[in-house]
Structure formats: C-alpha cells, structure tokens
C-alpha cells in the first residue's frame, strides 16, 4: 500500500489541481522517485513508515518544478 500511496497521492493531486503550473517532467519524476524512495526506506530499515519518506520525495520533486502563475 505504501507504493500505491507514494505514486498516487501527491503527483496526481498536483496534476489535477495545479494544471499548467507544474511541468509534466516533475510529475513523471515524482511518480518514479516516490516508490523508489519507499523501497529504499524499506531496505534501509527506517524507524518510521517509509510511505512518509516517499511522499517527502514527491513534495520535493513537485516543488522544484513549480511555476508561479
């Protein structure tokens, strides 16, 4: 479920609600980097839920390519 949450929650929300403000490359990068971060967090044995780590990576990816309207 963590992989689904990391892929779907933030990138699709940004794609729906911030149309034209976030570039497509940021959304695609976020969809790829989020689950990779969740898997890396599971392998590293983080003390917290790796889903939060994946969502943090999604936030970073999306905010880096945000354009103010």
PDB file of N, CA and C in Angstrom:
ATOM      1  N   UNK A   1       0.814  -1.191   0.000  1.00  0.00           N
ATOM      2  CA  UNK A   1       0.000   0.000   0.000  1.00  0.00           C
ATOM      3  C   UNK A   1       0.857   1.254   0.000  1.00  0.00           C
ATOM      4  N   UNK A   2       2.048   1.157   0.555  1.00  0.00           N
ATOM      5  CA  UNK A   2       2.925   2.314   0.566  1.00  0.00           C
ATOM      6  C   UNK A   2       3.338   2.730  -0.833  1.00  0.00           C
ATOM      7  N   UNK A   3       3.543   1.763  -1.694  1.00  0.00           N
ATOM      8  CA  UNK A   3       3.923   2.087  -3.068  1.00  0.00           C
ATOM      9  C   UNK A   3       2.771   2.768  -3.793  1.00  0.00           C
ATOM     10  N   UNK A   4       1.578   2.312  -3.567  1.00  0.00           N
ATOM     11  CA  UNK A   4       0.416   2.961  -4.201  1.00  0.00           C
ATOM     12  C   UNK A   4       0.240   4.386  -3.697  1.00  0.00           C
ATOM     13  N   UNK A   5       0.374   4.567  -2.409  1.00  0.00           N
ATOM     14  CA  UNK A   5       0.213   5.897  -1.836  1.00  0.00           C
ATOM     15  C   UNK A   5       1.273   6.868  -2.318  1.00  0.00           C
ATOM     16  N   UNK A   6       2.512   6.393  -2.430  1.00  0.00           N
ATOM     17  CA  UNK A   6       3.597   7.262  -2.879  1.00  0.00           C
ATOM     18  C   UNK A   6       3.455   7.628  -4.346  1.00  0.00           C
ATOM     19  N   UNK A   7       2.880   6.736  -5.121  1.00  0.00           N
ATOM     20  CA  UNK A   7       2.726   7.024  -6.549  1.00  0.00           C
ATOM     21  C   UNK A   7       1.523   7.919  -6.803  1.00  0.00           C
ATOM     22  N   UNK A   8       0.447   7.715  -6.089  1.00  0.00           N
ATOM     23  CA  UNK A   8      -0.815   8.349  -6.446  1.00  0.00           C
ATOM     24  C   UNK A   8      -1.073   9.668  -5.724  1.00  0.00           C
ATOM     25  N   UNK A   9      -0.810   9.742  -4.457  1.00  0.00           N
ATOM     26  CA  UNK A   9      -1.312  10.847  -3.642  1.00  0.00           C
ATOM     27  C   UNK A   9      -0.901  12.230  -4.151  1.00  0.00           C
ATOM     28  N   UNK A  10       0.339  12.540  -4.103  1.00  0.00           N
ATOM     29  CA  UNK A  10       0.756  13.901  -4.424  1.00  0.00           C
ATOM     30  C   UNK A  10       0.887  14.179  -5.919  1.00  0.00           C
ATOM     31  N   UNK A  11       1.498  13.302  -6.722  1.00  0.00           N
ATOM     32  CA  UNK A  11       1.638  13.644  -8.149  1.00  0.00           C
ATOM     33  C   UNK A  11       0.308  13.849  -8.860  1.00  0.00           C
ATOM     34  N   UNK A  12      -0.651  12.978  -8.614  1.00  0.00           N
ATOM     35  CA  UNK A  12      -1.932  13.128  -9.287  1.00  0.00           C
ATOM     36  C   UNK A  12      -2.717  14.322  -8.747  1.00  0.00           C
ATOM     37  N   UNK A  13      -2.569  14.611  -7.460  1.00  0.00           N
ATOM     38  CA  UNK A  13      -3.224  15.798  -6.902  1.00  0.00           C
ATOM     39  C   UNK A  13      -2.659  17.062  -7.538  1.00  0.00           C
ATOM     40  N   UNK A  14      -1.344  17.116  -7.690  1.00  0.00           N
ATOM     41  CA  UNK A  14      -0.722  18.276  -8.339  1.00  0.00           C
ATOM     42  C   UNK A  14      -1.138  18.368  -9.800  1.00  0.00           C
ATOM     43  N   UNK A  15      -1.205  17.242 -10.475  1.00  0.00           N
ATOM     44  CA  UNK A  15      -1.588  17.249 -11.891  1.00  0.00           C
ATOM     45  C   UNK A  15      -3.032  17.721 -12.062  1.00  0.00           C
ATOM     46  N   UNK A  16      -3.901  17.404 -11.113  1.00  0.00           N
ATOM     47  CA  UNK A  16      -5.299  17.803 -11.225  1.00  0.00           C
ATOM     48  C   UNK A  16      -5.547  19.244 -10.793  1.00  0.00           C
ATOM     49  N   UNK A  17      -4.949  19.638  -9.682  1.00  0.00           N
ATOM     50  CA  UNK A  17      -5.287  20.930  -9.106  1.00  0.00           C
ATOM     51  C   UNK A  17      -4.359  22.062  -9.528  1.00  0.00           C
ATOM     52  N   UNK A  18      -3.191  21.755 -10.026  1.00  0.00           N
ATOM     53  CA  UNK A  18      -2.241  22.787 -10.442  1.00  0.00           C
ATOM     54  C   UNK A  18      -1.959  22.680 -11.933  1.00  0.00           C
ATOM     55  N   UNK A  19      -3.001  22.601 -12.713  1.00  0.00           N
ATOM     56  CA  UNK A  19      -2.866  22.441 -14.167  1.00  0.00           C
ATOM     57  C   UNK A  19      -2.114  23.639 -14.736  1.00  0.00           C
ATOM     58  N   UNK A  20      -1.059  23.357 -15.476  1.00  0.00           N
ATOM     59  CA  UNK A  20      -0.280  24.396 -16.119  1.00  0.00           C
ATOM     60  C   UNK A  20       0.792  25.023 -15.246  1.00  0.00           C
ATOM     61  N   UNK A  21       0.783  24.725 -13.964  1.00  0.00           N
ATOM     62  CA  UNK A  21       1.790  25.306 -13.075  1.00  0.00           C
ATOM     63  C   UNK A  21       2.947  24.376 -12.801  1.00  0.00           C
ATOM     64  N   UNK A  22       2.721  23.086 -12.922  1.00  0.00           N
ATOM     65  CA  UNK A  22       3.783  22.109 -12.705  1.00  0.00           C
ATOM     66  C   UNK A  22       4.048  21.406 -14.023  1.00  0.00           C
ATOM     67  N   UNK A  23       5.306  21.339 -14.385  1.00  0.00           N
ATOM     68  CA  UNK A  23       5.663  20.725 -15.653  1.00  0.00           C
ATOM     69  C   UNK A  23       5.477  19.208 -15.596  1.00  0.00           C
ATOM     70  N   UNK A  24       5.245  18.654 -16.756  1.00  0.00           N
ATOM     71  CA  UNK A  24       4.998  17.213 -16.878  1.00  0.00           C
ATOM     72  C   UNK A  24       6.176  16.391 -16.381  1.00  0.00           C
ATOM     73  N   UNK A  25       7.388  16.877 -16.617  1.00  0.00           N
ATOM     74  CA  UNK A  25       8.583  16.137 -16.188  1.00  0.00           C
ATOM     75  C   UNK A  25       8.637  15.982 -14.670  1.00  0.00           C
ATOM     76  N   UNK A  26       8.156  16.987 -13.959  1.00  0.00           N
ATOM     77  CA  UNK A  26       8.147  16.909 -12.497  1.00  0.00           C
ATOM     78  C   UNK A  26       7.179  15.841 -12.014  1.00  0.00           C
ATOM     79  N   UNK A  27       6.023  15.740 -12.663  1.00  0.00           N
ATOM     80  CA  UNK A  27       5.040  14.730 -12.268  1.00  0.00           C
ATOM     81  C   UNK A  27       5.572  13.328 -12.555  1.00  0.00           C
ATOM     82  N   UNK A  28       6.146  13.144 -13.736  1.00  0.00           N
ATOM     83  CA  UNK A  28       6.687  11.823 -14.096  1.00  0.00           C
ATOM     84  C   UNK A  28       7.853  11.468 -13.175  1.00  0.00           C
ATOM     85  N   UNK A  29       8.716  12.433 -12.904  1.00  0.00           N
ATOM     86  CA  UNK A  29       9.826  12.183 -11.985  1.00  0.00           C
ATOM     87  C   UNK A  29       9.351  11.849 -10.590  1.00  0.00           C
ATOM     88  N   UNK A  30       8.288  12.497 -10.163  1.00  0.00           N
ATOM     89  CA  UNK A  30       7.725  12.226  -8.855  1.00  0.00           C
ATOM     90  C   UNK A  30       7.106  10.830  -8.788  1.00  0.00           C
ATOM     91  N   UNK A  31       6.459  10.421  -9.889  1.00  0.00           N
ATOM     92  CA  UNK A  31       5.864   9.087  -9.934  1.00  0.00           C
ATOM     93  C   UNK A  31       6.940   8.003  -9.880  1.00  0.00           C
ATOM     94  N   UNK A  32       8.105   8.283 -10.425  1.00  0.00           N
ATOM     95  CA  UNK A  32       9.200   7.308 -10.406  1.00  0.00           C
ATOM     96  C   UNK A  32       9.971   7.367  -9.087  1.00  0.00           C
ATOM     97  N   UNK A  33      10.256   8.563  -8.597  1.00  0.00           N
ATOM     98  CA  UNK A  33      11.092   8.717  -7.406  1.00  0.00           C
ATOM     99  C   UNK A  33      10.374   8.341  -6.112  1.00  0.00           C
ATOM    100  N   UNK A  34       9.069   8.547  -6.049  1.00  0.00           N
ATOM    101  CA  UNK A  34       8.325   8.227  -4.827  1.00  0.00           C
ATOM    102  C   UNK A  34       8.394   6.757  -4.438  1.00  0.00           C
ATOM    103  N   UNK A  35       8.021   5.846  -5.341  1.00  0.00           N
ATOM    104  CA  UNK A  35       8.124   4.430  -4.982  1.00  0.00           C
ATOM    105  C   UNK A  35       9.561   3.965  -4.766  1.00  0.00           C
ATOM    106  N   UNK A  36      10.491   4.559  -5.513  1.00  0.00           N
ATOM    107  CA  UNK A  36      11.904   4.210  -5.301  1.00  0.00           C
ATOM    108  C   UNK A  36      12.336   4.592  -3.884  1.00  0.00           C
ATOM    109  N   UNK A  37      11.859   5.719  -3.390  1.00  0.00           N
ATOM    110  CA  UNK A  37      12.180   6.133  -2.029  1.00  0.00           C
ATOM    111  C   UNK A  37      11.525   5.212  -1.003  1.00  0.00           C
ATOM    112  N   UNK A  38      10.311   4.757  -1.275  1.00  0.00           N
ATOM    113  CA  UNK A  38       9.640   3.829  -0.353  1.00  0.00           C
ATOM    114  C   UNK A  38      10.413   2.506  -0.287  1.00  0.00           C
ATOM    115  N   UNK A  39      10.827   2.005  -1.429  1.00  0.00           N
ATOM    116  CA  UNK A  39      11.595   0.753  -1.455  1.00  0.00           C
ATOM    117  C   UNK A  39      12.931   0.938  -0.748  1.00  0.00           C
ATOM    118  N   UNK A  40      13.604   2.072  -1.006  1.00  0.00           N
ATOM    119  CA  UNK A  40      14.876   2.330  -0.335  1.00  0.00           C
ATOM    120  C   UNK A  40      14.685   2.462   1.173  1.00  0.00           C
ATOM    121  N   UNK A  41      13.592   3.075   1.594  1.00  0.00           N
ATOM    122  CA  UNK A  41      13.306   3.187   3.016  1.00  0.00           C
ATOM    123  C   UNK A  41      13.051   1.840   3.667  1.00  0.00           C
ATOM    124  N   UNK A  42      12.376   0.946   2.951  1.00  0.00           N
ATOM    125  CA  UNK A  42      12.159  -0.409   3.475  1.00  0.00           C
ATOM    126  C   UNK A  42      13.466  -1.165   3.596  1.00  0.00           C
ATOM    127  N   UNK A  43      14.315  -1.029   2.600  1.00  0.00           N
ATOM    128  CA  UNK A  43      15.603  -1.724   2.638  1.00  0.00           C
ATOM    129  C   UNK A  43      16.532  -1.151   3.699  1.00  0.00           C
ATOM    130  N   UNK A  44      16.435   0.151   3.944  1.00  0.00           N
ATOM    131  CA  UNK A  44      17.294   0.796   4.938  1.00  0.00           C
ATOM    132  C   UNK A  44      16.801   0.554   6.363  1.00  0.00           C
ATOM    133  N   UNK A  45      15.566   0.122   6.508  1.00  0.00           N
ATOM    134  CA  UNK A  45      15.020  -0.155   7.836  1.00  0.00           C
ATOM    135  C   UNK A  45      14.782   1.111   8.642  1.00  0.00           C
ATOM    136  N   UNK A  46      14.114   2.069   8.039  1.00  0.00           N
ATOM    137  CA  UNK A  46      13.825   3.319   8.735  1.00  0.00           C
ATOM    138  C   UNK A  46      12.955   3.075   9.960  1.00  0.00           C
ATOM    139  N   UNK A  47      13.094   3.945  10.953  1.00  0.00           N
ATOM    140  CA  UNK A  47      12.326   3.772  12.189  1.00  0.00           C
ATOM    141  C   UNK A  47      10.886   4.262  12.047  1.00  0.00           C
ATOM    142  N   UNK A  48      10.581   4.938  10.933  1.00  0.00           N
ATOM    143  CA  UNK A  48       9.219   5.404  10.684  1.00  0.00           C
ATOM    144  C   UNK A  48       8.719   4.770   9.391  1.00  0.00           C
ATOM    145  N   UNK A  49       7.457   4.977   9.074  1.00  0.00           N
ATOM    146  CA  UNK A  49       6.856   4.382   7.885  1.00  0.00           C
ATOM    147  C   UNK A  49       7.497   4.971   6.628  1.00  0.00           C
ATOM    148  N   UNK A  50       8.039   4.141   5.738  1.00  0.00           N
ATOM    149  CA  UNK A  50       8.684   4.645   4.528  1.00  0.00           C
ATOM    150  C   UNK A  50       7.743   5.377   3.580  1.00  0.00           C
ATOM    151  N   UNK A  51       6.439   5.226   3.769  1.00  0.00           N
ATOM    152  CA  UNK A  51       5.486   5.970   2.953  1.00  0.00           C
ATOM    153  C   UNK A  51       5.699   7.469   3.110  1.00  0.00           C
ATOM    154  N   UNK A  52       5.979   7.916   4.329  1.00  0.00           N
ATOM    155  CA  UNK A  52       6.217   9.332   4.565  1.00  0.00           C
ATOM    156  C   UNK A  52       7.478   9.813   3.856  1.00  0.00           C
ATOM    157  N   UNK A  53       8.477   8.966   3.783  1.00  0.00           N
ATOM    158  CA  UNK A  53       9.702   9.294   3.057  1.00  0.00           C
ATOM    159  C   UNK A  53       9.403   9.441   1.567  1.00  0.00           C
ATOM    160  N   UNK A  54       8.593   8.544   1.024  1.00  0.00           N
ATOM    161  CA  UNK A  54       8.216   8.624  -0.387  1.00  0.00           C
ATOM    162  C   UNK A  54       7.401   9.873  -0.698  1.00  0.00           C
ATOM    163  N   UNK A  55       6.506  10.237   0.199  1.00  0.00           N
ATOM    164  CA  UNK A  55       5.707  11.446  -0.010  1.00  0.00           C
ATOM    165  C   UNK A  55       6.582  12.690   0.089  1.00  0.00           C
ATOM    166  N   UNK A  56       7.573  12.672   0.976  1.00  0.00           N
ATOM    167  CA  UNK A  56       8.502  13.808   1.066  1.00  0.00           C
ATOM    168  C   UNK A  56       9.292  13.971  -0.227  1.00  0.00           C
ATOM    169  N   UNK A  57       9.703  12.866  -0.813  1.00  0.00           N
ATOM    170  CA  UNK A  57      10.405  12.931  -2.095  1.00  0.00           C
ATOM    171  C   UNK A  57       9.473  13.467  -3.178  1.00  0.00           C
ATOM    172  N   UNK A  58       8.217  13.073  -3.159  1.00  0.00           N
ATOM    173  CA  UNK A  58       7.238  13.611  -4.108  1.00  0.00           C
ATOM    174  C   UNK A  58       7.090  15.120  -3.959  1.00  0.00           C
ATOM    175  N   UNK A  59       7.022  15.594  -2.734  1.00  0.00           N
ATOM    176  CA  UNK A  59       6.896  17.028  -2.493  1.00  0.00           C
ATOM    177  C   UNK A  59       8.110  17.768  -3.052  1.00  0.00           C
ATOM    178  N   UNK A  60       9.279  17.219  -2.828  1.00  0.00           N
ATOM    179  CA  UNK A  60      10.499  17.854  -3.335  1.00  0.00           C
ATOM    180  C   UNK A  60      10.489  17.897  -4.850  1.00  0.00           C
ATOM    181  N   UNK A  61      10.127  16.796  -5.487  1.00  0.00           N
ATOM    182  CA  UNK A  61      10.100  16.744  -6.955  1.00  0.00           C
ATOM    183  C   UNK A  61       9.099  17.735  -7.527  1.00  0.00           C
ATOM    184  N   UNK A  62       7.933  17.829  -6.924  1.00  0.00           N
ATOM    185  CA  UNK A  62       6.896  18.711  -7.459  1.00  0.00           C
ATOM    186  C   UNK A  62       7.193  20.181  -7.202  1.00  0.00           C
ATOM    187  N   UNK A  63       7.759  20.506  -6.063  1.00  0.00           N
ATOM    188  CA  UNK A  63       8.034  21.908  -5.777  1.00  0.00           C
ATOM    189  C   UNK A  63       9.242  22.441  -6.535  1.00  0.00           C
ATOM    190  N   UNK A  64      10.115  21.570  -6.958  1.00  0.00           N
ATOM    191  CA  UNK A  64      11.279  22.039  -7.718  1.00  0.00           C
ATOM    192  C   UNK A  64      10.872  22.582  -9.091  1.00  0.00           C
ATOM    193  N   UNK A  65       9.819  22.072  -9.666  1.00  0.00           N
ATOM    194  CA  UNK A  65       9.397  22.487 -10.992  1.00  0.00           C
ATOM    195  C   UNK A  65       8.100  23.280 -10.969  1.00  0.00           C
ATOM    196  N   UNK A  66       7.760  23.872  -9.839  1.00  0.00           N
ATOM    197  CA  UNK A  66       6.542  24.657  -9.708  1.00  0.00           C
ATOM    198  C   UNK A  66       6.766  26.052 -10.291  1.00  0.00           C
ATOM    199  N   UNK A  67       5.820  26.485 -11.101  1.00  0.00           N
ATOM    200  CA  UNK A  67       5.885  27.828 -11.673  1.00  0.00           C
ATOM    201  C   UNK A  67       4.758  28.654 -11.080  1.00  0.00           C
ATOM    202  N   UNK A  68       5.093  29.821 -10.612  1.00  0.00           N
ATOM    203  CA  UNK A  68       4.053  30.700 -10.080  1.00  0.00           C
ATOM    204  C   UNK A  68       3.254  31.266 -11.234  1.00  0.00           C
ATOM    205  N   UNK A  69       1.924  31.209 -11.091  1.00  0.00           N
ATOM    206  CA  UNK A  69       1.038  31.633 -12.159  1.00  0.00           C
ATOM    207  C   UNK A  69       0.927  33.117 -12.191  1.00  0.00           C
TER     208      UNK A  69
END
